[in-house]
């Protein structure tokens, strides 16, 4: 979820209702521990993929919810970690 929030912070997920909704949701940085960074079935964690996009996602859903496909120059700095 943290990787998705770091790359999709500007996605419109509901209709704005007040001034606070006009503020940027972009985090200043992201720390990702054991991140789910892809929905590609060849490398994604199967349980996470199913929970986030279901059993039969479209190619567009798979791309949209794959953080590694959505990195831009505006994406905040990230640190990754696992043991």
PDB file of N, CA and C in Angstrom:
ATOM      1  N   UNK A   1       0.818  -1.185   0.000  1.00  0.00           N
ATOM      2  CA  UNK A   1       0.000   0.000   0.000  1.00  0.00           C
ATOM      3  C   UNK A   1       0.865   1.253   0.000  1.00  0.00           C
ATOM      4  N   UNK A   2       1.941   1.249   0.752  1.00  0.00           N
ATOM      5  CA  UNK A   2       2.789   2.446   0.818  1.00  0.00           C
ATOM      6  C   UNK A   2       3.379   2.771  -0.549  1.00  0.00           C
ATOM      7  N   UNK A   3       3.798   1.754  -1.301  1.00  0.00           N
ATOM      8  CA  UNK A   3       4.354   2.002  -2.629  1.00  0.00           C
ATOM      9  C   UNK A   3       3.288   2.569  -3.558  1.00  0.00           C
ATOM     10  N   UNK A   4       2.063   2.065  -3.457  1.00  0.00           N
ATOM     11  CA  UNK A   4       0.971   2.603  -4.275  1.00  0.00           C
ATOM     12  C   UNK A   4       0.673   4.046  -3.911  1.00  0.00           C
ATOM     13  N   UNK A   5       0.651   4.344  -2.624  1.00  0.00           N
ATOM     14  CA  UNK A   5       0.391   5.721  -2.203  1.00  0.00           C
ATOM     15  C   UNK A   5       1.502   6.661  -2.650  1.00  0.00           C
ATOM     16  N   UNK A   6       2.732   6.176  -2.676  1.00  0.00           N
ATOM     17  CA  UNK A   6       3.856   7.017  -3.090  1.00  0.00           C
ATOM     18  C   UNK A   6       3.852   7.297  -4.587  1.00  0.00           C
ATOM     19  N   UNK A   7       3.255   6.404  -5.373  1.00  0.00           N
ATOM     20  CA  UNK A   7       3.250   6.595  -6.827  1.00  0.00           C
ATOM     21  C   UNK A   7       1.904   7.052  -7.376  1.00  0.00           C
ATOM     22  N   UNK A   8       0.825   6.882  -6.616  1.00  0.00           N
ATOM     23  CA  UNK A   8      -0.508   7.249  -7.107  1.00  0.00           C
ATOM     24  C   UNK A   8      -1.159   8.316  -6.229  1.00  0.00           C
ATOM     25  N   UNK A   9      -0.367   9.138  -5.577  1.00  0.00           N
ATOM     26  CA  UNK A   9      -0.879  10.151  -4.646  1.00  0.00           C
ATOM     27  C   UNK A   9      -1.804  11.156  -5.314  1.00  0.00           C
ATOM     28  N   UNK A  10      -1.701  11.332  -6.614  1.00  0.00           N
ATOM     29  CA  UNK A  10      -2.538  12.310  -7.298  1.00  0.00           C
ATOM     30  C   UNK A  10      -3.744  11.685  -8.000  1.00  0.00           C
ATOM     31  N   UNK A  11      -3.982  10.395  -7.784  1.00  0.00           N
ATOM     32  CA  UNK A  11      -5.148   9.737  -8.381  1.00  0.00           C
ATOM     33  C   UNK A  11      -6.420  10.239  -7.703  1.00  0.00           C
ATOM     34  N   UNK A  12      -7.406  10.534  -8.497  1.00  0.00           N
ATOM     35  CA  UNK A  12      -8.686  10.983  -7.960  1.00  0.00           C
ATOM     36  C   UNK A  12      -9.493   9.753  -7.546  1.00  0.00           C
ATOM     37  N   UNK A  13      -9.773   9.631  -6.254  1.00  0.00           N
ATOM     38  CA  UNK A  13     -10.502   8.457  -5.770  1.00  0.00           C
ATOM     39  C   UNK A  13     -11.884   8.807  -5.234  1.00  0.00           C
ATOM     40  N   UNK A  14     -12.167  10.101  -5.126  1.00  0.00           N
ATOM     41  CA  UNK A  14     -13.499  10.541  -4.724  1.00  0.00           C
ATOM     42  C   UNK A  14     -13.692  11.987  -5.170  1.00  0.00           C
ATOM     43  N   UNK A  15     -14.924  12.435  -5.186  1.00  0.00           N
ATOM     44  CA  UNK A  15     -15.234  13.802  -5.575  1.00  0.00           C
ATOM     45  C   UNK A  15     -14.853  14.750  -4.447  1.00  0.00           C
ATOM     46  N   UNK A  16     -14.092  15.778  -4.786  1.00  0.00           N
ATOM     47  CA  UNK A  16     -13.675  16.765  -3.783  1.00  0.00           C
ATOM     48  C   UNK A  16     -14.904  17.441  -3.177  1.00  0.00           C
ATOM     49  N   UNK A  17     -14.864  17.631  -1.839  1.00  0.00           N
ATOM     50  CA  UNK A  17     -16.011  18.257  -1.176  1.00  0.00           C
ATOM     51  C   UNK A  17     -15.660  19.550  -0.455  1.00  0.00           C
ATOM     52  N   UNK A  18     -14.370  19.799  -0.220  1.00  0.00           N
ATOM     53  CA  UNK A  18     -13.990  21.049   0.442  1.00  0.00           C
ATOM     54  C   UNK A  18     -12.557  21.417   0.067  1.00  0.00           C
ATOM     55  N   UNK A  19     -12.068  22.516   0.618  1.00  0.00           N
ATOM     56  CA  UNK A  19     -10.757  23.046   0.247  1.00  0.00           C
ATOM     57  C   UNK A  19      -9.612  22.089   0.565  1.00  0.00           C
ATOM     58  N   UNK A  20      -9.726  21.324   1.623  1.00  0.00           N
ATOM     59  CA  UNK A  20      -8.638  20.408   1.983  1.00  0.00           C
ATOM     60  C   UNK A  20      -8.421  19.357   0.892  1.00  0.00           C
ATOM     61  N   UNK A  21      -9.467  19.034   0.172  1.00  0.00           N
ATOM     62  CA  UNK A  21      -9.352  18.059  -0.910  1.00  0.00           C
ATOM     63  C   UNK A  21      -8.528  18.586  -2.079  1.00  0.00           C
ATOM     64  N   UNK A  22      -8.251  19.865  -2.100  1.00  0.00           N
ATOM     65  CA  UNK A  22      -7.427  20.461  -3.150  1.00  0.00           C
ATOM     66  C   UNK A  22      -5.936  20.380  -2.816  1.00  0.00           C
ATOM     67  N   UNK A  23      -5.601  19.999  -1.585  1.00  0.00           N
ATOM     68  CA  UNK A  23      -4.208  19.893  -1.159  1.00  0.00           C
ATOM     69  C   UNK A  23      -3.566  18.628  -1.737  1.00  0.00           C
ATOM     70  N   UNK A  24      -2.281  18.701  -1.982  1.00  0.00           N
ATOM     71  CA  UNK A  24      -1.552  17.547  -2.500  1.00  0.00           C
ATOM     72  C   UNK A  24      -1.442  16.457  -1.430  1.00  0.00           C
ATOM     73  N   UNK A  25      -1.609  15.224  -1.857  1.00  0.00           N
ATOM     74  CA  UNK A  25      -1.429  14.080  -0.958  1.00  0.00           C
ATOM     75  C   UNK A  25      -0.042  13.458  -1.135  1.00  0.00           C
ATOM     76  N   UNK A  26       0.829  14.122  -1.889  1.00  0.00           N
ATOM     77  CA  UNK A  26       2.169  13.587  -2.147  1.00  0.00           C
ATOM     78  C   UNK A  26       2.982  13.548  -0.856  1.00  0.00           C
ATOM     79  N   UNK A  27       3.481  12.367  -0.492  1.00  0.00           N
ATOM     80  CA  UNK A  27       4.351  12.297   0.687  1.00  0.00           C
ATOM     81  C   UNK A  27       5.725  12.884   0.357  1.00  0.00           C
ATOM     82  N   UNK A  28       6.444  13.329   1.367  1.00  0.00           N
ATOM     83  CA  UNK A  28       7.793  13.864   1.166  1.00  0.00           C
ATOM     84  C   UNK A  28       8.801  12.754   0.892  1.00  0.00           C
ATOM     85  N   UNK A  29       8.539  11.557   1.409  1.00  0.00           N
ATOM     86  CA  UNK A  29       9.395  10.398   1.186  1.00  0.00           C
ATOM     87  C   UNK A  29       8.591   9.158   1.536  1.00  0.00           C
ATOM     88  N   UNK A  30       9.099   7.995   1.156  1.00  0.00           N
ATOM     89  CA  UNK A  30       8.436   6.729   1.472  1.00  0.00           C
ATOM     90  C   UNK A  30       9.482   5.724   1.942  1.00  0.00           C
ATOM     91  N   UNK A  31       9.172   5.033   3.014  1.00  0.00           N
ATOM     92  CA  UNK A  31      10.012   3.943   3.502  1.00  0.00           C
ATOM     93  C   UNK A  31       9.213   2.663   3.291  1.00  0.00           C
ATOM     94  N   UNK A  32       9.725   1.792   2.462  1.00  0.00           N
ATOM     95  CA  UNK A  32       8.996   0.595   2.061  1.00  0.00           C
ATOM     96  C   UNK A  32       9.697  -0.648   2.599  1.00  0.00           C
ATOM     97  N   UNK A  33       9.068  -1.317   3.545  1.00  0.00           N
ATOM     98  CA  UNK A  33       9.603  -2.554   4.109  1.00  0.00           C
ATOM     99  C   UNK A  33       8.787  -3.718   3.554  1.00  0.00           C
ATOM    100  N   UNK A  34       9.454  -4.653   2.927  1.00  0.00           N
ATOM    101  CA  UNK A  34       8.792  -5.778   2.266  1.00  0.00           C
ATOM    102  C   UNK A  34       7.683  -5.272   1.344  1.00  0.00           C
ATOM    103  N   UNK A  35       8.000  -4.385   0.409  1.00  0.00           N
ATOM    104  CA  UNK A  35       6.953  -3.761  -0.395  1.00  0.00           C
ATOM    105  C   UNK A  35       6.359  -4.687  -1.453  1.00  0.00           C
ATOM    106  N   UNK A  36       5.090  -4.455  -1.747  1.00  0.00           N
ATOM    107  CA  UNK A  36       4.438  -5.049  -2.906  1.00  0.00           C
ATOM    108  C   UNK A  36       4.613  -4.004  -4.002  1.00  0.00           C
ATOM    109  N   UNK A  37       5.505  -4.272  -4.948  1.00  0.00           N
ATOM    110  CA  UNK A  37       5.817  -3.258  -5.945  1.00  0.00           C
ATOM    111  C   UNK A  37       5.401  -3.638  -7.355  1.00  0.00           C
ATOM    112  N   UNK A  38       4.769  -4.795  -7.516  1.00  0.00           N
ATOM    113  CA  UNK A  38       4.346  -5.208  -8.847  1.00  0.00           C
ATOM    114  C   UNK A  38       3.110  -6.092  -8.770  1.00  0.00           C
ATOM    115  N   UNK A  39       2.261  -5.968  -9.791  1.00  0.00           N
ATOM    116  CA  UNK A  39       1.117  -6.856  -9.940  1.00  0.00           C
ATOM    117  C   UNK A  39       1.345  -7.834 -11.086  1.00  0.00           C
ATOM    118  N   UNK A  40       2.560  -7.834 -11.640  1.00  0.00           N
ATOM    119  CA  UNK A  40       2.931  -8.779 -12.685  1.00  0.00           C
ATOM    120  C   UNK A  40       2.839 -10.182 -12.090  1.00  0.00           C
ATOM    121  N   UNK A  41       2.001 -11.058 -12.651  1.00  0.00           N
ATOM    122  CA  UNK A  41       1.820 -12.382 -12.049  1.00  0.00           C
ATOM    123  C   UNK A  41       3.101 -13.208 -11.966  1.00  0.00           C
ATOM    124  N   UNK A  42       4.095 -12.884 -12.771  1.00  0.00           N
ATOM    125  CA  UNK A  42       5.350 -13.638 -12.735  1.00  0.00           C
ATOM    126  C   UNK A  42       6.170 -13.333 -11.485  1.00  0.00           C
ATOM    127  N   UNK A  43       5.976 -12.149 -10.881  1.00  0.00           N
ATOM    128  CA  UNK A  43       6.801 -11.770  -9.733  1.00  0.00           C
ATOM    129  C   UNK A  43       6.013 -11.285  -8.524  1.00  0.00           C
ATOM    130  N   UNK A  44       4.723 -11.035  -8.688  1.00  0.00           N
ATOM    131  CA  UNK A  44       3.919 -10.497  -7.583  1.00  0.00           C
ATOM    132  C   UNK A  44       3.674 -11.542  -6.501  1.00  0.00           C
ATOM    133  N   UNK A  45       3.525 -11.072  -5.279  1.00  0.00           N
ATOM    134  CA  UNK A  45       3.085 -11.941  -4.190  1.00  0.00           C
ATOM    135  C   UNK A  45       1.631 -12.304  -4.491  1.00  0.00           C
ATOM    136  N   UNK A  46       1.354 -13.571  -4.674  1.00  0.00           N
ATOM    137  CA  UNK A  46       0.043 -14.027  -5.141  1.00  0.00           C
ATOM    138  C   UNK A  46      -1.105 -13.551  -4.250  1.00  0.00           C
ATOM    139  N   UNK A  47      -0.943 -13.674  -2.934  1.00  0.00           N
ATOM    140  CA  UNK A  47      -2.009 -13.266  -2.018  1.00  0.00           C
ATOM    141  C   UNK A  47      -2.268 -11.773  -2.060  1.00  0.00           C
ATOM    142  N   UNK A  48      -1.213 -10.984  -2.122  1.00  0.00           N
ATOM    143  CA  UNK A  48      -1.372  -9.528  -2.196  1.00  0.00           C
ATOM    144  C   UNK A  48      -2.042  -9.132  -3.501  1.00  0.00           C
ATOM    145  N   UNK A  49      -1.616  -9.742  -4.588  1.00  0.00           N
ATOM    146  CA  UNK A  49      -2.194  -9.430  -5.900  1.00  0.00           C
ATOM    147  C   UNK A  49      -3.687  -9.727  -5.909  1.00  0.00           C
ATOM    148  N   UNK A  50      -4.060 -10.889  -5.401  1.00  0.00           N
ATOM    149  CA  UNK A  50      -5.472 -11.268  -5.376  1.00  0.00           C
ATOM    150  C   UNK A  50      -6.276 -10.315  -4.497  1.00  0.00           C
ATOM    151  N   UNK A  51      -5.747  -9.960  -3.327  1.00  0.00           N
ATOM    152  CA  UNK A  51      -6.465  -9.064  -2.411  1.00  0.00           C
ATOM    153  C   UNK A  51      -6.625  -7.661  -2.991  1.00  0.00           C
ATOM    154  N   UNK A  52      -5.640  -7.201  -3.743  1.00  0.00           N
ATOM    155  CA  UNK A  52      -5.666  -5.827  -4.247  1.00  0.00           C
ATOM    156  C   UNK A  52      -6.387  -5.664  -5.578  1.00  0.00           C
ATOM    157  N   UNK A  53      -6.247  -6.640  -6.495  1.00  0.00           N
ATOM    158  CA  UNK A  53      -6.874  -6.463  -7.809  1.00  0.00           C
ATOM    159  C   UNK A  53      -7.699  -7.664  -8.268  1.00  0.00           C
ATOM    160  N   UNK A  54      -7.870  -8.657  -7.402  1.00  0.00           N
ATOM    161  CA  UNK A  54      -8.744  -9.777  -7.721  1.00  0.00           C
ATOM    162  C   UNK A  54      -8.071 -10.881  -8.521  1.00  0.00           C
ATOM    163  N   UNK A  55      -8.877 -11.873  -8.874  1.00  0.00           N
ATOM    164  CA  UNK A  55      -8.371 -13.051  -9.581  1.00  0.00           C
ATOM    165  C   UNK A  55      -8.119 -12.818 -11.065  1.00  0.00           C
ATOM    166  N   UNK A  56      -8.911 -11.960 -11.684  1.00  0.00           N
ATOM    167  CA  UNK A  56      -8.811 -11.772 -13.133  1.00  0.00           C
ATOM    168  C   UNK A  56      -8.761 -10.288 -13.496  1.00  0.00           C
ATOM    169  N   UNK A  57      -7.701  -9.591 -13.105  1.00  0.00           N
ATOM    170  CA  UNK A  57      -7.606  -8.169 -13.439  1.00  0.00           C
ATOM    171  C   UNK A  57      -7.340  -7.962 -14.929  1.00  0.00           C
ATOM    172  N   UNK A  58      -7.774  -6.810 -15.412  1.00  0.00           N
ATOM    173  CA  UNK A  58      -7.452  -6.449 -16.790  1.00  0.00           C
ATOM    174  C   UNK A  58      -5.986  -6.023 -16.853  1.00  0.00           C
ATOM    175  N   UNK A  59      -5.455  -5.946 -18.055  1.00  0.00           N
ATOM    176  CA  UNK A  59      -4.075  -5.474 -18.225  1.00  0.00           C
ATOM    177  C   UNK A  59      -3.937  -4.053 -17.689  1.00  0.00           C
ATOM    178  N   UNK A  60      -4.960  -3.222 -17.884  1.00  0.00           N
ATOM    179  CA  UNK A  60      -4.926  -1.844 -17.382  1.00  0.00           C
ATOM    180  C   UNK A  60      -4.916  -1.810 -15.856  1.00  0.00           C
ATOM    181  N   UNK A  61      -5.715  -2.644 -15.210  1.00  0.00           N
ATOM    182  CA  UNK A  61      -5.704  -2.702 -13.745  1.00  0.00           C
ATOM    183  C   UNK A  61      -4.337  -3.171 -13.241  1.00  0.00           C
ATOM    184  N   UNK A  62      -3.780  -4.153 -13.893  1.00  0.00           N
ATOM    185  CA  UNK A  62      -2.468  -4.667 -13.495  1.00  0.00           C
ATOM    186  C   UNK A  62      -1.428  -3.559 -13.596  1.00  0.00           C
ATOM    187  N   UNK A  63      -1.449  -2.778 -14.683  1.00  0.00           N
ATOM    188  CA  UNK A  63      -0.505  -1.677 -14.857  1.00  0.00           C
ATOM    189  C   UNK A  63      -0.753  -0.574 -13.840  1.00  0.00           C
ATOM    190  N   UNK A  64      -2.013  -0.190 -13.660  1.00  0.00           N
ATOM    191  CA  UNK A  64      -2.361   0.906 -12.759  1.00  0.00           C
ATOM    192  C   UNK A  64      -1.940   0.620 -11.321  1.00  0.00           C
ATOM    193  N   UNK A  65      -2.056  -0.614 -10.891  1.00  0.00           N
ATOM    194  CA  UNK A  65      -1.754  -0.957  -9.501  1.00  0.00           C
ATOM    195  C   UNK A  65      -0.365  -1.570  -9.310  1.00  0.00           C
ATOM    196  N   UNK A  66       0.495  -1.437 -10.306  1.00  0.00           N
ATOM    197  CA  UNK A  66       1.894  -1.863 -10.195  1.00  0.00           C
ATOM    198  C   UNK A  66       2.742  -0.617  -9.962  1.00  0.00           C
ATOM    199  N   UNK A  67       3.139  -0.362  -8.719  1.00  0.00           N
ATOM    200  CA  UNK A  67       3.895   0.864  -8.447  1.00  0.00           C
ATOM    201  C   UNK A  67       5.111   1.062  -9.348  1.00  0.00           C
ATOM    202  N   UNK A  68       5.802  -0.019  -9.710  1.00  0.00           N
ATOM    203  CA  UNK A  68       6.992   0.159 -10.544  1.00  0.00           C
ATOM    204  C   UNK A  68       6.652   0.684 -11.935  1.00  0.00           C
ATOM    205  N   UNK A  69       5.394   0.579 -12.337  1.00  0.00           N
ATOM    206  CA  UNK A  69       4.949   1.097 -13.630  1.00  0.00           C
ATOM    207  C   UNK A  69       4.531   2.568 -13.553  1.00  0.00           C
ATOM    208  N   UNK A  70       4.482   3.122 -12.354  1.00  0.00           N
ATOM    209  CA  UNK A  70       3.942   4.467 -12.162  1.00  0.00           C
ATOM    210  C   UNK A  70       4.934   5.459 -11.567  1.00  0.00           C
ATOM    211  N   UNK A  71       6.205   5.134 -11.584  1.00  0.00           N
ATOM    212  CA  UNK A  71       7.228   6.049 -11.074  1.00  0.00           C
ATOM    213  C   UNK A  71       7.428   7.175 -12.086  1.00  0.00           C
ATOM    214  N   UNK A  72       7.427   8.403 -11.593  1.00  0.00           N
ATOM    215  CA  UNK A  72       7.637   9.589 -12.422  1.00  0.00           C
ATOM    216  C   UNK A  72       8.722  10.442 -11.767  1.00  0.00           C
ATOM    217  N   UNK A  73       9.163  11.492 -12.432  1.00  0.00           N
ATOM    218  CA  UNK A  73      10.126  12.395 -11.785  1.00  0.00           C
ATOM    219  C   UNK A  73       9.581  13.033 -10.502  1.00  0.00           C
ATOM    220  N   UNK A  74       8.251  13.088 -10.351  1.00  0.00           N
ATOM    221  CA  UNK A  74       7.637  13.669  -9.157  1.00  0.00           C
ATOM    222  C   UNK A  74       7.461  12.672  -8.011  1.00  0.00           C
ATOM    223  N   UNK A  75       7.717  11.396  -8.266  1.00  0.00           N
ATOM    224  CA  UNK A  75       7.593  10.386  -7.213  1.00  0.00           C
ATOM    225  C   UNK A  75       8.584  10.713  -6.096  1.00  0.00           C
ATOM    226  N   UNK A  76       8.119  10.677  -4.839  1.00  0.00           N
ATOM    227  CA  UNK A  76       9.019  11.026  -3.735  1.00  0.00           C
ATOM    228  C   UNK A  76      10.170  10.028  -3.587  1.00  0.00           C
ATOM    229  N   UNK A  77      11.253  10.451  -2.942  1.00  0.00           N
ATOM    230  CA  UNK A  77      12.366   9.532  -2.692  1.00  0.00           C
ATOM    231  C   UNK A  77      11.894   8.335  -1.863  1.00  0.00           C
ATOM    232  N   UNK A  78      12.502   7.166  -2.116  1.00  0.00           N
ATOM    233  CA  UNK A  78      12.113   5.941  -1.431  1.00  0.00           C
ATOM    234  C   UNK A  78      13.320   5.244  -0.846  1.00  0.00           C
ATOM    235  N   UNK A  79      13.074   4.554   0.237  1.00  0.00           N
ATOM    236  CA  UNK A  79      14.048   3.637   0.831  1.00  0.00           C
ATOM    237  C   UNK A  79      13.349   2.291   0.935  1.00  0.00           C
ATOM    238  N   UNK A  80      14.044   1.240   0.542  1.00  0.00           N
ATOM    239  CA  UNK A  80      13.492  -0.105   0.574  1.00  0.00           C
ATOM    240  C   UNK A  80      14.218  -0.929   1.625  1.00  0.00           C
ATOM    241  N   UNK A  81      13.488  -1.859   2.217  1.00  0.00           N
ATOM    242  CA  UNK A  81      14.122  -2.712   3.201  1.00  0.00           C
ATOM    243  C   UNK A  81      13.460  -4.073   3.284  1.00  0.00           C
ATOM    244  N   UNK A  82      14.251  -5.078   3.542  1.00  0.00           N
ATOM    245  CA  UNK A  82      13.766  -6.428   3.828  1.00  0.00           C
ATOM    246  C   UNK A  82      14.896  -7.161   4.542  1.00  0.00           C
ATOM    247  N   UNK A  83      14.540  -8.244   5.167  1.00  0.00           N
ATOM    248  CA  UNK A  83      15.564  -8.995   5.900  1.00  0.00           C
ATOM    249  C   UNK A  83      15.718 -10.373   5.309  1.00  0.00           C
TER     250      UNK A  83
END
